[in-house]
Amino acid sequence: MAKLSVNIGQLALKNPVMTASGTFGYGLEFQDFVPLEELGGIIVKGTTLLPREGNDYPRMAETASGMLNCVGLQNKGVDYFCEHIYPQVKDLGTNVIVNVSGSAPDDYAECAARIDALKNIPAIELNISCPNVKQGGMAFGTTCEGAASVVKAVRERYHKTLIVKLSPNVTNIADIALACEAEGADSVSLINTLMGMAIDIERRRPVLSIATGGLSGPAVKPVALRMVWQVAKAVKIPVVGLGGIMNAEDAIEFLMAGATAIEIGTANFIDPAVTLKVRNGINDWLDRHGCQSVEDIIGCLEK
């Protein structure tokens, strides 16, 4: 068996396969399908400083080769996570990473600080695709200045591994990644969902309650792969790749493009055991090709 372990800053992963936030709950929901301790990490659903109800239904819709969602970060807030969820996930035998969201840099920083105190949470993933309420709703992650403001605020109060999840709804994602790196990010993960829409032509109305939502699934993979390749060439920190990964072959493409680790999202809804299958598939490919370690193929893409 090839060596599958990788490092994201100070965070050691037993293999490069993690789950994407919002598609795997808190991991507990998948215990009957996957031995969680065999995954590199679990990134739990988005957590905010205060509870959020999320958007009205309908907030999910199937599309060609993918799905749209506008769940709206429904969660019970960081204090509920610390008091009720953390005791259940702290001993799962894998890295449990909290996805942190907010509407202002101070919100992010306060939420991150409370998670910083949890001994068995070794990292957070910042979702900077959230709207900045003080700037008219534009997402933090769509400008270098917005992204940098969040990372800087969080870095001052959070002392463990800091992964920043980048929005693809930008002109030059490499510039955003560089801005996050400059403010102390240990890693960047990409891509978050692409903005999309579906219309019910009989009702002449949008399918989703708020009209638009995030597109994920196989349809976004070529875009995600291109962006991971661009960012991996631009930054010195590790890159985590996600977007449309459905099998081991997809995951290997992201690794070759420069990703140190990958996240699997929408595929979990189709096959709840897909993460373990991808891990095994990566190992099988490495064995067939005489590779001693997964690091042999990270960033190995030849032009």
C-alpha atoms as a PDB file:
ATOM      1  CA  MET A   1       0.000   0.000   0.000  1.00  0.00           C
ATOM      2  CA  ALA A   2       1.283   3.451  -0.939  1.00  0.00           C
ATOM      3  CA  LYS A   3       1.865   6.145   1.675  1.00  0.00           C
ATOM      4  CA  LEU A   4      -1.278   8.271   1.643  1.00  0.00           C
ATOM      5  CA  SER A   5      -0.586  10.725   4.473  1.00  0.00           C
ATOM      6  CA  VAL A   6      -0.273  14.439   3.686  1.00  0.00           C
ATOM      7  CA  ASN A   7       0.037  17.662   5.690  1.00  0.00           C
ATOM      8  CA  ILE A   8      -1.980  20.871   5.475  1.00  0.00           C
ATOM      9  CA  GLY A   9       0.191  23.257   7.456  1.00  0.00           C
ATOM     10  CA  GLN A  10       0.424  21.723  10.945  1.00  0.00           C
ATOM     11  CA  LEU A  11      -2.583  19.510  10.217  1.00  0.00           C
ATOM     12  CA  ALA A  12      -1.650  15.871   9.539  1.00  0.00           C
ATOM     13  CA  LEU A  13      -4.078  13.879   7.398  1.00  0.00           C
ATOM     14  CA  LYS A  14      -3.844  10.081   7.234  1.00  0.00           C
ATOM     15  CA  ASN A  15      -4.965  10.345   3.603  1.00  0.00           C
ATOM     16  CA  PRO A  16      -5.958  13.228   1.297  1.00  0.00           C
ATOM     17  CA  VAL A  17      -9.712  12.507   1.280  1.00  0.00           C
ATOM     18  CA  MET A  18     -11.961  14.849   3.246  1.00  0.00           C
ATOM     19  CA  THR A  19     -15.660  15.687   3.119  1.00  0.00           C
ATOM     20  CA  ALA A  20     -17.021  19.034   1.965  1.00  0.00           C
ATOM     21  CA  SER A  21     -18.985  21.196   4.367  1.00  0.00           C
ATOM     22  CA  GLY A  22     -22.754  20.982   4.081  1.00  0.00           C
ATOM     23  CA  THR A  23     -22.774  17.550   2.440  1.00  0.00           C
ATOM     24  CA  PHE A  24     -21.776  15.312   5.349  1.00  0.00           C
ATOM     25  CA  GLY A  25     -23.623  16.819   8.306  1.00  0.00           C
ATOM     26  CA  TYR A  26     -21.487  16.437  11.410  1.00  0.00           C
ATOM     27  CA  GLY A  27     -20.167  13.070  10.246  1.00  0.00           C
ATOM     28  CA  LEU A  28     -22.373  11.248  12.739  1.00  0.00           C
ATOM     29  CA  GLU A  29     -25.072  10.846  10.095  1.00  0.00           C
ATOM     30  CA  PHE A  30     -22.694   8.732   7.968  1.00  0.00           C
ATOM     31  CA  GLN A  31     -21.369   6.378  10.640  1.00  0.00           C
ATOM     32  CA  ASP A  32     -23.473   3.485   9.332  1.00  0.00           C
ATOM     33  CA  PHE A  33     -21.930   3.830   5.865  1.00  0.00           C
ATOM     34  CA  VAL A  34     -18.293   4.825   6.373  1.00  0.00           C
ATOM     35  CA  PRO A  35     -15.704   4.064   9.074  1.00  0.00           C
ATOM     36  CA  LEU A  36     -15.049   7.729   9.785  1.00  0.00           C
ATOM     37  CA  GLU A  37     -11.633   7.081  11.303  1.00  0.00           C
ATOM     38  CA  GLU A  38     -10.411   5.986   7.869  1.00  0.00           C
ATOM     39  CA  LEU A  39     -10.986   9.419   6.292  1.00  0.00           C
ATOM     40  CA  GLY A  40      -8.436  12.216   6.216  1.00  0.00           C
ATOM     41  CA  GLY A  41     -10.912  14.632   7.719  1.00  0.00           C
ATOM     42  CA  ILE A  42     -14.534  15.692   8.077  1.00  0.00           C
ATOM     43  CA  ILE A  43     -15.506  19.303   7.473  1.00  0.00           C
ATOM     44  CA  VAL A  44     -18.771  19.868   9.289  1.00  0.00           C
ATOM     45  CA  LYS A  45     -21.653  22.051   8.147  1.00  0.00           C
ATOM     46  CA  GLY A  46     -21.336  25.820   8.183  1.00  0.00           C
ATOM     47  CA  THR A  47     -21.302  27.338  11.670  1.00  0.00           C
ATOM     48  CA  THR A  48     -22.048  30.966  12.497  1.00  0.00           C
ATOM     49  CA  LEU A  49     -21.750  33.079  15.630  1.00  0.00           C
ATOM     50  CA  LEU A  50     -25.523  33.240  16.092  1.00  0.00           C
ATOM     51  CA  PRO A  51     -28.222  30.739  15.054  1.00  0.00           C
ATOM     52  CA  ARG A  52     -29.556  30.995  11.503  1.00  0.00           C
ATOM     53  CA  GLU A  53     -32.842  29.687  10.138  1.00  0.00           C
ATOM     54  CA  GLY A  54     -31.648  29.508   6.540  1.00  0.00           C
ATOM     55  CA  ASN A  55     -33.754  30.277   3.491  1.00  0.00           C
ATOM     56  CA  ASP A  56     -37.344  29.265   2.782  1.00  0.00           C
ATOM     57  CA  TYR A  57     -38.115  26.067   0.882  1.00  0.00           C
ATOM     58  CA  PRO A  58     -37.615  24.972  -1.834  1.00  0.00           C
ATOM     59  CA  ARG A  59     -33.879  25.355  -1.437  1.00  0.00           C
ATOM     60  CA  MET A  60     -32.461  22.444  -3.412  1.00  0.00           C
ATOM     61  CA  ALA A  61     -32.950  21.541  -7.054  1.00  0.00           C
ATOM     62  CA  GLU A  62     -31.444  18.907  -9.317  1.00  0.00           C
ATOM     63  CA  THR A  63     -29.885  20.163 -12.546  1.00  0.00           C
ATOM     64  CA  ALA A  64     -28.125  18.556 -15.480  1.00  0.00           C
ATOM     65  CA  SER A  65     -24.971  16.934 -14.039  1.00  0.00           C
ATOM     66  CA  GLY A  66     -25.334  18.704 -10.732  1.00  0.00           C
ATOM     67  CA  MET A  67     -27.532  20.385  -8.166  1.00  0.00           C
ATOM     68  CA  LEU A  68     -28.402  23.850  -6.908  1.00  0.00           C
ATOM     69  CA  ASN A  69     -28.800  24.754  -3.262  1.00  0.00           C
ATOM     70  CA  CYS A  70     -29.672  27.877  -1.307  1.00  0.00           C
ATOM     71  CA  VAL A  71     -29.904  26.346   2.175  1.00  0.00           C
ATOM     72  CA  GLY A  72     -28.551  29.565   3.646  1.00  0.00           C
ATOM     73  CA  LEU A  73     -26.216  28.262   6.354  1.00  0.00           C
ATOM     74  CA  GLN A  74     -28.990  26.961   8.614  1.00  0.00           C
ATOM     75  CA  ASN A  75     -27.398  26.081  11.960  1.00  0.00           C
ATOM     76  CA  LYS A  76     -27.914  26.570  15.693  1.00  0.00           C
ATOM     77  CA  GLY A  77     -24.842  28.740  16.221  1.00  0.00           C
ATOM     78  CA  VAL A  78     -21.342  28.188  17.544  1.00  0.00           C
ATOM     79  CA  ASP A  79     -22.333  27.928  21.221  1.00  0.00           C
ATOM     80  CA  TYR A  80     -24.731  25.086  20.423  1.00  0.00           C
ATOM     81  CA  PHE A  81     -21.958  23.381  18.480  1.00  0.00           C
ATOM     82  CA  CYS A  82     -19.532  23.708  21.379  1.00  0.00           C
ATOM     83  CA  GLU A  83     -22.016  22.475  23.984  1.00  0.00           C
ATOM     84  CA  HIS A  84     -23.931  19.764  22.119  1.00  0.00           C
ATOM     85  CA  ILE A  85     -22.148  18.679  18.924  1.00  0.00           C
ATOM     86  CA  TYR A  86     -18.508  18.834  19.988  1.00  0.00           C
ATOM     87  CA  PRO A  87     -18.887  16.192  22.725  1.00  0.00           C
ATOM     88  CA  GLN A  88     -20.248  13.800  20.081  1.00  0.00           C
ATOM     89  CA  VAL A  89     -17.558  14.401  17.436  1.00  0.00           C
ATOM     90  CA  LYS A  90     -14.391  15.046  19.437  1.00  0.00           C
ATOM     91  CA  ASP A  91     -13.377  11.371  19.499  1.00  0.00           C
ATOM     92  CA  LEU A  92     -14.317  10.226  15.997  1.00  0.00           C
ATOM     93  CA  GLY A  93     -10.740   9.208  15.210  1.00  0.00           C
ATOM     94  CA  THR A  94     -10.233  11.646  12.356  1.00  0.00           C
ATOM     95  CA  ASN A  95      -9.715  15.382  11.909  1.00  0.00           C
ATOM     96  CA  VAL A  96     -12.964  17.233  12.564  1.00  0.00           C
ATOM     97  CA  ILE A  97     -12.794  20.670  10.948  1.00  0.00           C
ATOM     98  CA  VAL A  98     -15.415  23.372  11.439  1.00  0.00           C
ATOM     99  CA  ASN A  99     -16.563  25.517   8.526  1.00  0.00           C
ATOM    100  CA  VAL A 100     -16.967  29.074   9.836  1.00  0.00           C
ATOM    101  CA  SER A 101     -19.195  31.709   8.240  1.00  0.00           C
ATOM    102  CA  GLY A 102     -20.191  35.261   9.122  1.00  0.00           C
ATOM    103  CA  SER A 103     -21.499  38.618   7.949  1.00  0.00           C
ATOM    104  CA  ALA A 104     -18.658  40.806   9.234  1.00  0.00           C
ATOM    105  CA  PRO A 105     -14.965  40.190  10.044  1.00  0.00           C
ATOM    106  CA  ASP A 106     -15.670  40.489  13.772  1.00  0.00           C
ATOM    107  CA  ASP A 107     -18.365  37.789  13.520  1.00  0.00           C
ATOM    108  CA  TYR A 108     -15.929  35.412  11.863  1.00  0.00           C
ATOM    109  CA  ALA A 109     -13.227  36.185  14.409  1.00  0.00           C
ATOM    110  CA  GLU A 110     -15.454  35.678  17.438  1.00  0.00           C
ATOM    111  CA  CYS A 111     -16.838  32.416  16.079  1.00  0.00           C
ATOM    112  CA  ALA A 112     -13.314  31.186  15.307  1.00  0.00           C
ATOM    113  CA  ALA A 113     -12.074  32.169  18.781  1.00  0.00           C
ATOM    114  CA  ARG A 114     -14.732  30.047  20.467  1.00  0.00           C
ATOM    115  CA  ILE A 115     -13.780  27.065  18.313  1.00  0.00           C
ATOM    116  CA  ASP A 116     -10.101  27.711  19.032  1.00  0.00           C
ATOM    117  CA  ALA A 117     -10.771  26.683  22.630  1.00  0.00           C
ATOM    118  CA  LEU A 118     -11.942  23.193  21.583  1.00  0.00           C
ATOM    119  CA  LYS A 119      -8.980  20.869  22.058  1.00  0.00           C
ATOM    120  CA  ASN A 120      -9.990  18.241  19.491  1.00  0.00           C
ATOM    121  CA  ILE A 121     -10.854  20.611  16.644  1.00  0.00           C
ATOM    122  CA  PRO A 122      -7.473  21.077  14.903  1.00  0.00           C
ATOM    123  CA  ALA A 123      -8.546  23.396  12.078  1.00  0.00           C
ATOM    124  CA  ILE A 124     -11.259  25.619  10.671  1.00  0.00           C
ATOM    125  CA  GLU A 125     -12.308  26.370   7.118  1.00  0.00           C
ATOM    126  CA  LEU A 126     -13.407  29.962   6.515  1.00  0.00           C
ATOM    127  CA  ASN A 127     -16.292  30.365   4.105  1.00  0.00           C
ATOM    128  CA  ILE A 128     -15.646  33.793   2.589  1.00  0.00           C
ATOM    129  CA  SER A 129     -18.447  33.423   0.054  1.00  0.00           C
ATOM    130  CA  CYS A 130     -20.794  34.992   2.602  1.00  0.00           C
ATOM    131  CA  PRO A 131     -22.349  38.409   1.939  1.00  0.00           C
ATOM    132  CA  ASN A 132     -20.735  41.376   3.684  1.00  0.00           C
ATOM    133  CA  VAL A 133     -23.736  43.107   5.225  1.00  0.00           C
ATOM    134  CA  LYS A 134     -21.779  46.315   5.777  1.00  0.00           C
ATOM    135  CA  GLN A 135     -20.911  46.596   2.080  1.00  0.00           C
ATOM    136  CA  GLY A 136     -24.301  46.074   0.487  1.00  0.00           C
ATOM    137  CA  GLY A 137     -24.217  42.289   0.321  1.00  0.00           C
ATOM    138  CA  MET A 138     -21.151  41.697  -1.846  1.00  0.00           C
ATOM    139  CA  ALA A 139     -19.394  38.488  -0.817  1.00  0.00           C
ATOM    140  CA  PHE A 140     -16.111  38.901   1.052  1.00  0.00           C
ATOM    141  CA  GLY A 141     -14.427  36.424  -1.249  1.00  0.00           C
ATOM    142  CA  THR A 142     -15.023  38.385  -4.441  1.00  0.00           C
ATOM    143  CA  THR A 143     -12.369  41.025  -3.731  1.00  0.00           C
ATOM    144  CA  CYS A 144      -8.813  40.825  -2.433  1.00  0.00           C
ATOM    145  CA  GLU A 145      -9.585  43.471   0.168  1.00  0.00           C
ATOM    146  CA  GLY A 146     -12.686  41.673   1.432  1.00  0.00           C
ATOM    147  CA  ALA A 147     -10.943  38.317   1.663  1.00  0.00           C
ATOM    148  CA  ALA A 148      -7.922  39.809   3.382  1.00  0.00           C
ATOM    149  CA  SER A 149     -10.075  41.612   5.966  1.00  0.00           C
ATOM    150  CA  VAL A 150     -11.681  38.374   7.124  1.00  0.00           C
ATOM    151  CA  VAL A 151      -8.463  36.344   7.189  1.00  0.00           C
ATOM    152  CA  LYS A 152      -6.626  39.081   9.097  1.00  0.00           C
ATOM    153  CA  ALA A 153      -9.368  39.371  11.729  1.00  0.00           C
ATOM    154  CA  VAL A 154      -9.541  35.611  12.228  1.00  0.00           C
ATOM    155  CA  ARG A 155      -5.800  35.077  12.242  1.00  0.00           C
ATOM    156  CA  GLU A 156      -5.457  37.466  15.180  1.00  0.00           C
ATOM    157  CA  ARG A 157      -7.744  35.288  17.306  1.00  0.00           C
ATOM    158  CA  TYR A 158      -7.353  31.787  15.915  1.00  0.00           C
ATOM    159  CA  HIS A 159      -4.125  29.857  16.482  1.00  0.00           C
ATOM    160  CA  LYS A 160      -4.577  26.486  14.775  1.00  0.00           C
ATOM    161  CA  THR A 161      -4.645  25.508  11.092  1.00  0.00           C
ATOM    162  CA  LEU A 162      -6.592  28.074   9.070  1.00  0.00           C
ATOM    163  CA  ILE A 163      -8.002  26.992   5.708  1.00  0.00           C
ATOM    164  CA  VAL A 164      -9.793  29.612   3.590  1.00  0.00           C
ATOM    165  CA  LYS A 165     -12.496  28.419   1.177  1.00  0.00           C
ATOM    166  CA  LEU A 166     -12.456  30.512  -1.976  1.00  0.00           C
ATOM    167  CA  SER A 167     -15.368  31.616  -4.126  1.00  0.00           C
ATOM    168  CA  PRO A 168     -15.160  30.823  -7.857  1.00  0.00           C
ATOM    169  CA  ASN A 169     -17.420  33.773  -8.696  1.00  0.00           C
ATOM    170  CA  VAL A 170     -14.446  36.062  -9.338  1.00  0.00           C
ATOM    171  CA  THR A 171     -12.291  37.291 -12.211  1.00  0.00           C
ATOM    172  CA  ASN A 172      -8.898  36.103 -10.918  1.00  0.00           C
ATOM    173  CA  ILE A 173      -9.035  33.565  -8.111  1.00  0.00           C
ATOM    174  CA  ALA A 174      -5.238  33.406  -7.814  1.00  0.00           C
ATOM    175  CA  ASP A 175      -5.172  37.033  -6.665  1.00  0.00           C
ATOM    176  CA  ILE A 176      -7.718  36.245  -3.930  1.00  0.00           C
ATOM    177  CA  ALA A 177      -5.633  33.265  -2.822  1.00  0.00           C
ATOM    178  CA  LEU A 178      -2.498  35.393  -2.633  1.00  0.00           C
ATOM    179  CA  ALA A 179      -4.323  37.968  -0.507  1.00  0.00           C
ATOM    180  CA  CYS A 180      -5.383  35.223   1.930  1.00  0.00           C
ATOM    181  CA  GLU A 181      -1.858  33.821   2.052  1.00  0.00           C
ATOM    182  CA  ALA A 182      -0.436  37.266   2.806  1.00  0.00           C
ATOM    183  CA  GLU A 183      -2.713  37.601   5.852  1.00  0.00           C
ATOM    184  CA  GLY A 184      -1.710  34.277   7.367  1.00  0.00           C
ATOM    185  CA  ALA A 185      -3.872  31.559   5.822  1.00  0.00           C
ATOM    186  CA  ASP A 186      -2.264  28.131   6.201  1.00  0.00           C
ATOM    187  CA  SER A 187      -4.139  26.751   3.188  1.00  0.00           C
ATOM    188  CA  VAL A 188      -6.852  27.585   0.684  1.00  0.00           C
ATOM    189  CA  SER A 189      -9.653  25.271  -0.439  1.00  0.00           C
ATOM    190  CA  LEU A 190     -11.467  25.683  -3.735  1.00  0.00           C
ATOM    191  CA  ILE A 191     -13.915  25.890  -5.208  1.00  0.00           C
ATOM    192  CA  ASN A 192     -17.069  26.842  -3.397  1.00  0.00           C
ATOM    193  CA  THR A 193     -20.226  26.606  -5.495  1.00  0.00           C
ATOM    194  CA  LEU A 194     -20.811  28.549  -8.713  1.00  0.00           C
ATOM    195  CA  MET A 195     -23.815  30.860  -8.740  1.00  0.00           C
ATOM    196  CA  GLY A 196     -26.654  29.374 -10.801  1.00  0.00           C
ATOM    197  CA  MET A 197     -30.376  29.351 -11.378  1.00  0.00           C
ATOM    198  CA  ALA A 198     -33.225  27.103 -12.527  1.00  0.00           C
ATOM    199  CA  ILE A 199     -36.683  28.132 -13.774  1.00  0.00           C
ATOM    200  CA  ASP A 200     -40.009  26.292 -13.644  1.00  0.00           C
ATOM    201  CA  ILE A 201     -41.395  27.199 -17.060  1.00  0.00           C
ATOM    202  CA  GLU A 202     -44.946  26.067 -16.222  1.00  0.00           C
ATOM    203  CA  ARG A 203     -45.146  28.336 -13.181  1.00  0.00           C
ATOM    204  CA  ARG A 204     -42.901  30.981 -14.742  1.00  0.00           C
ATOM    205  CA  ARG A 205     -41.055  31.205 -11.467  1.00  0.00           C
ATOM    206  CA  PRO A 206     -37.584  30.352 -10.196  1.00  0.00           C
ATOM    207  CA  VAL A 207     -37.324  26.832  -8.799  1.00  0.00           C
ATOM    208  CA  LEU A 208     -35.448  28.019  -5.698  1.00  0.00           C
ATOM    209  CA  SER A 209     -37.090  30.228  -3.090  1.00  0.00           C
ATOM    210  CA  ILE A 210     -34.535  33.036  -3.483  1.00  0.00           C
ATOM    211  CA  ALA A 211     -34.145  32.512  -7.256  1.00  0.00           C
ATOM    212  CA  THR A 212     -30.402  31.763  -7.296  1.00  0.00           C
ATOM    213  CA  GLY A 213     -28.251  29.170  -5.567  1.00  0.00           C
ATOM    214  CA  GLY A 214     -24.914  27.436  -5.578  1.00  0.00           C
ATOM    215  CA  LEU A 215     -24.217  24.933  -8.349  1.00  0.00           C
ATOM    216  CA  SER A 216     -22.233  21.831  -7.404  1.00  0.00           C
ATOM    217  CA  GLY A 217     -21.637  18.371  -8.798  1.00  0.00           C
ATOM    218  CA  PRO A 218     -19.913  17.011 -11.945  1.00  0.00           C
ATOM    219  CA  ALA A 219     -20.887  20.049 -14.018  1.00  0.00           C
ATOM    220  CA  VAL A 220     -18.459  22.300 -12.115  1.00  0.00           C
ATOM    221  CA  LYS A 221     -15.432  19.990 -12.177  1.00  0.00           C
ATOM    222  CA  PRO A 222     -13.633  21.456 -15.228  1.00  0.00           C
ATOM    223  CA  VAL A 223     -13.906  24.949 -13.753  1.00  0.00           C
ATOM    224  CA  ALA A 224     -12.762  23.769 -10.334  1.00  0.00           C
ATOM    225  CA  LEU A 225      -9.826  21.871 -11.786  1.00  0.00           C
ATOM    226  CA  ARG A 226      -8.672  24.899 -13.764  1.00  0.00           C
ATOM    227  CA  MET A 227      -8.870  27.143 -10.726  1.00  0.00           C
ATOM    228  CA  VAL A 228      -6.989  24.690  -8.488  1.00  0.00           C
ATOM    229  CA  TRP A 229      -4.235  24.487 -11.100  1.00  0.00           C
ATOM    230  CA  GLN A 230      -3.990  28.280 -11.307  1.00  0.00           C
ATOM    231  CA  VAL A 231      -3.934  28.789  -7.541  1.00  0.00           C
ATOM    232  CA  ALA A 232      -1.461  25.974  -6.858  1.00  0.00           C
ATOM    233  CA  LYS A 233       0.995  27.671  -9.214  1.00  0.00           C
ATOM    234  CA  ALA A 234       0.513  31.044  -7.511  1.00  0.00           C
ATOM    235  CA  VAL A 235       0.716  30.313  -3.766  1.00  0.00           C
ATOM    236  CA  LYS A 236       3.243  28.566  -1.535  1.00  0.00           C
ATOM    237  CA  ILE A 237       0.686  27.223   0.957  1.00  0.00           C
ATOM    238  CA  PRO A 238      -1.137  23.899   0.394  1.00  0.00           C
ATOM    239  CA  VAL A 239      -4.237  23.843  -1.783  1.00  0.00           C
ATOM    240  CA  VAL A 240      -7.298  21.689  -1.085  1.00  0.00           C
ATOM    241  CA  GLY A 241      -9.276  20.866  -4.224  1.00  0.00           C
ATOM    242  CA  LEU A 242     -13.011  20.285  -4.523  1.00  0.00           C
ATOM    243  CA  GLY A 243     -15.770  20.629  -7.048  1.00  0.00           C
ATOM    244  CA  GLY A 244     -17.486  17.749  -8.838  1.00  0.00           C
ATOM    245  CA  ILE A 245     -15.279  14.941  -7.532  1.00  0.00           C
ATOM    246  CA  MET A 246     -17.284  11.738  -8.020  1.00  0.00           C
ATOM    247  CA  ASN A 247     -14.622   9.019  -8.043  1.00  0.00           C
ATOM    248  CA  ALA A 248     -10.910   8.309  -7.557  1.00  0.00           C
ATOM    249  CA  GLU A 249     -10.039   9.357 -11.109  1.00  0.00           C
ATOM    250  CA  ASP A 250     -11.517  12.798 -10.483  1.00  0.00           C
ATOM    251  CA  ALA A 251      -9.599  13.095  -7.219  1.00  0.00           C
ATOM    252  CA  ILE A 252      -6.318  12.134  -8.901  1.00  0.00           C
ATOM    253  CA  GLU A 253      -6.836  14.872 -11.491  1.00  0.00           C
ATOM    254  CA  PHE A 254      -7.033  17.444  -8.681  1.00  0.00           C
ATOM    255  CA  LEU A 255      -3.920  16.045  -7.021  1.00  0.00           C
ATOM    256  CA  MET A 256      -2.003  16.204 -10.287  1.00  0.00           C
ATOM    257  CA  ALA A 257      -3.196  19.790 -10.770  1.00  0.00           C
ATOM    258  CA  GLY A 258      -1.519  20.711  -7.474  1.00  0.00           C
ATOM    259  CA  ALA A 259      -3.990  19.928  -4.688  1.00  0.00           C
ATOM    260  CA  THR A 260      -2.457  18.410  -1.555  1.00  0.00           C
ATOM    261  CA  ALA A 261      -5.845  17.080  -0.439  1.00  0.00           C
ATOM    262  CA  ILE A 262      -9.386  16.952  -1.798  1.00  0.00           C
ATOM    263  CA  GLU A 263     -12.948  17.270  -0.522  1.00  0.00           C
ATOM    264  CA  ILE A 264     -15.952  15.290  -1.711  1.00  0.00           C
ATOM    265  CA  GLY A 265     -19.343  16.978  -1.575  1.00  0.00           C
ATOM    266  CA  THR A 266     -22.335  16.307  -3.808  1.00  0.00           C
ATOM    267  CA  ALA A 267     -21.254  12.710  -4.459  1.00  0.00           C
ATOM    268  CA  ASN A 268     -22.086  11.917  -0.816  1.00  0.00           C
ATOM    269  CA  PHE A 269     -25.775  12.369  -1.643  1.00  0.00           C
ATOM    270  CA  ILE A 270     -25.528   9.741  -4.386  1.00  0.00           C
ATOM    271  CA  ASP A 271     -23.322   7.210  -2.607  1.00  0.00           C
ATOM    272  CA  PRO A 272     -22.803   7.700   1.147  1.00  0.00           C
ATOM    273  CA  ALA A 273     -19.724   5.438   1.033  1.00  0.00           C
ATOM    274  CA  VAL A 274     -18.033   7.268  -1.849  1.00  0.00           C
ATOM    275  CA  THR A 275     -15.290   8.802   0.315  1.00  0.00           C
ATOM    276  CA  LEU A 276     -13.821   5.437   1.282  1.00  0.00           C
ATOM    277  CA  LYS A 277     -14.110   4.215  -2.315  1.00  0.00           C
ATOM    278  CA  VAL A 278     -12.154   7.253  -3.493  1.00  0.00           C
ATOM    279  CA  ARG A 279      -9.452   6.691  -0.890  1.00  0.00           C
ATOM    280  CA  ASN A 280      -9.099   3.048  -1.941  1.00  0.00           C
ATOM    281  CA  GLY A 281      -9.148   4.010  -5.601  1.00  0.00           C
ATOM    282  CA  ILE A 282      -6.295   6.486  -5.131  1.00  0.00           C
ATOM    283  CA  ASN A 283      -4.258   3.784  -3.411  1.00  0.00           C
ATOM    284  CA  ASP A 284      -4.979   1.257  -6.175  1.00  0.00           C
ATOM    285  CA  TRP A 285      -3.892   3.740  -8.852  1.00  0.00           C
ATOM    286  CA  LEU A 286      -0.665   4.516  -7.005  1.00  0.00           C
ATOM    287  CA  ASP A 287       0.090   0.806  -6.631  1.00  0.00           C
ATOM    288  CA  ARG A 288      -0.579   0.105 -10.312  1.00  0.00           C
ATOM    289  CA  HIS A 289       1.744   2.930 -11.343  1.00  0.00           C
ATOM    290  CA  GLY A 290       4.545   2.036  -8.963  1.00  0.00           C
ATOM    291  CA  CYS A 291       4.184   5.146  -6.794  1.00  0.00           C
ATOM    292  CA  GLN A 292       5.422   4.870  -3.216  1.00  0.00           C
ATOM    293  CA  SER A 293       3.512   7.903  -1.965  1.00  0.00           C
ATOM    294  CA  VAL A 294       0.592  10.104  -2.954  1.00  0.00           C
ATOM    295  CA  GLU A 295       3.068  12.988  -2.791  1.00  0.00           C
ATOM    296  CA  ASP A 296       4.662  11.572  -5.962  1.00  0.00           C
ATOM    297  CA  ILE A 297       1.705  12.837  -7.998  1.00  0.00           C
ATOM    298  CA  ILE A 298       0.826  16.095  -6.221  1.00  0.00           C
ATOM    299  CA  GLY A 299       1.443  18.867  -8.746  1.00  0.00           C
ATOM    300  CA  CYS A 300       3.010  16.452 -11.243  1.00  0.00           C
ATOM    301  CA  LEU A 301       0.988  17.781 -14.192  1.00  0.00           C
ATOM    302  CA  GLU A 302       3.091  18.135 -17.322  1.00  0.00           C
ATOM    303  CA  LYS A 303       2.190  20.864 -19.790  1.00  0.00           C
END
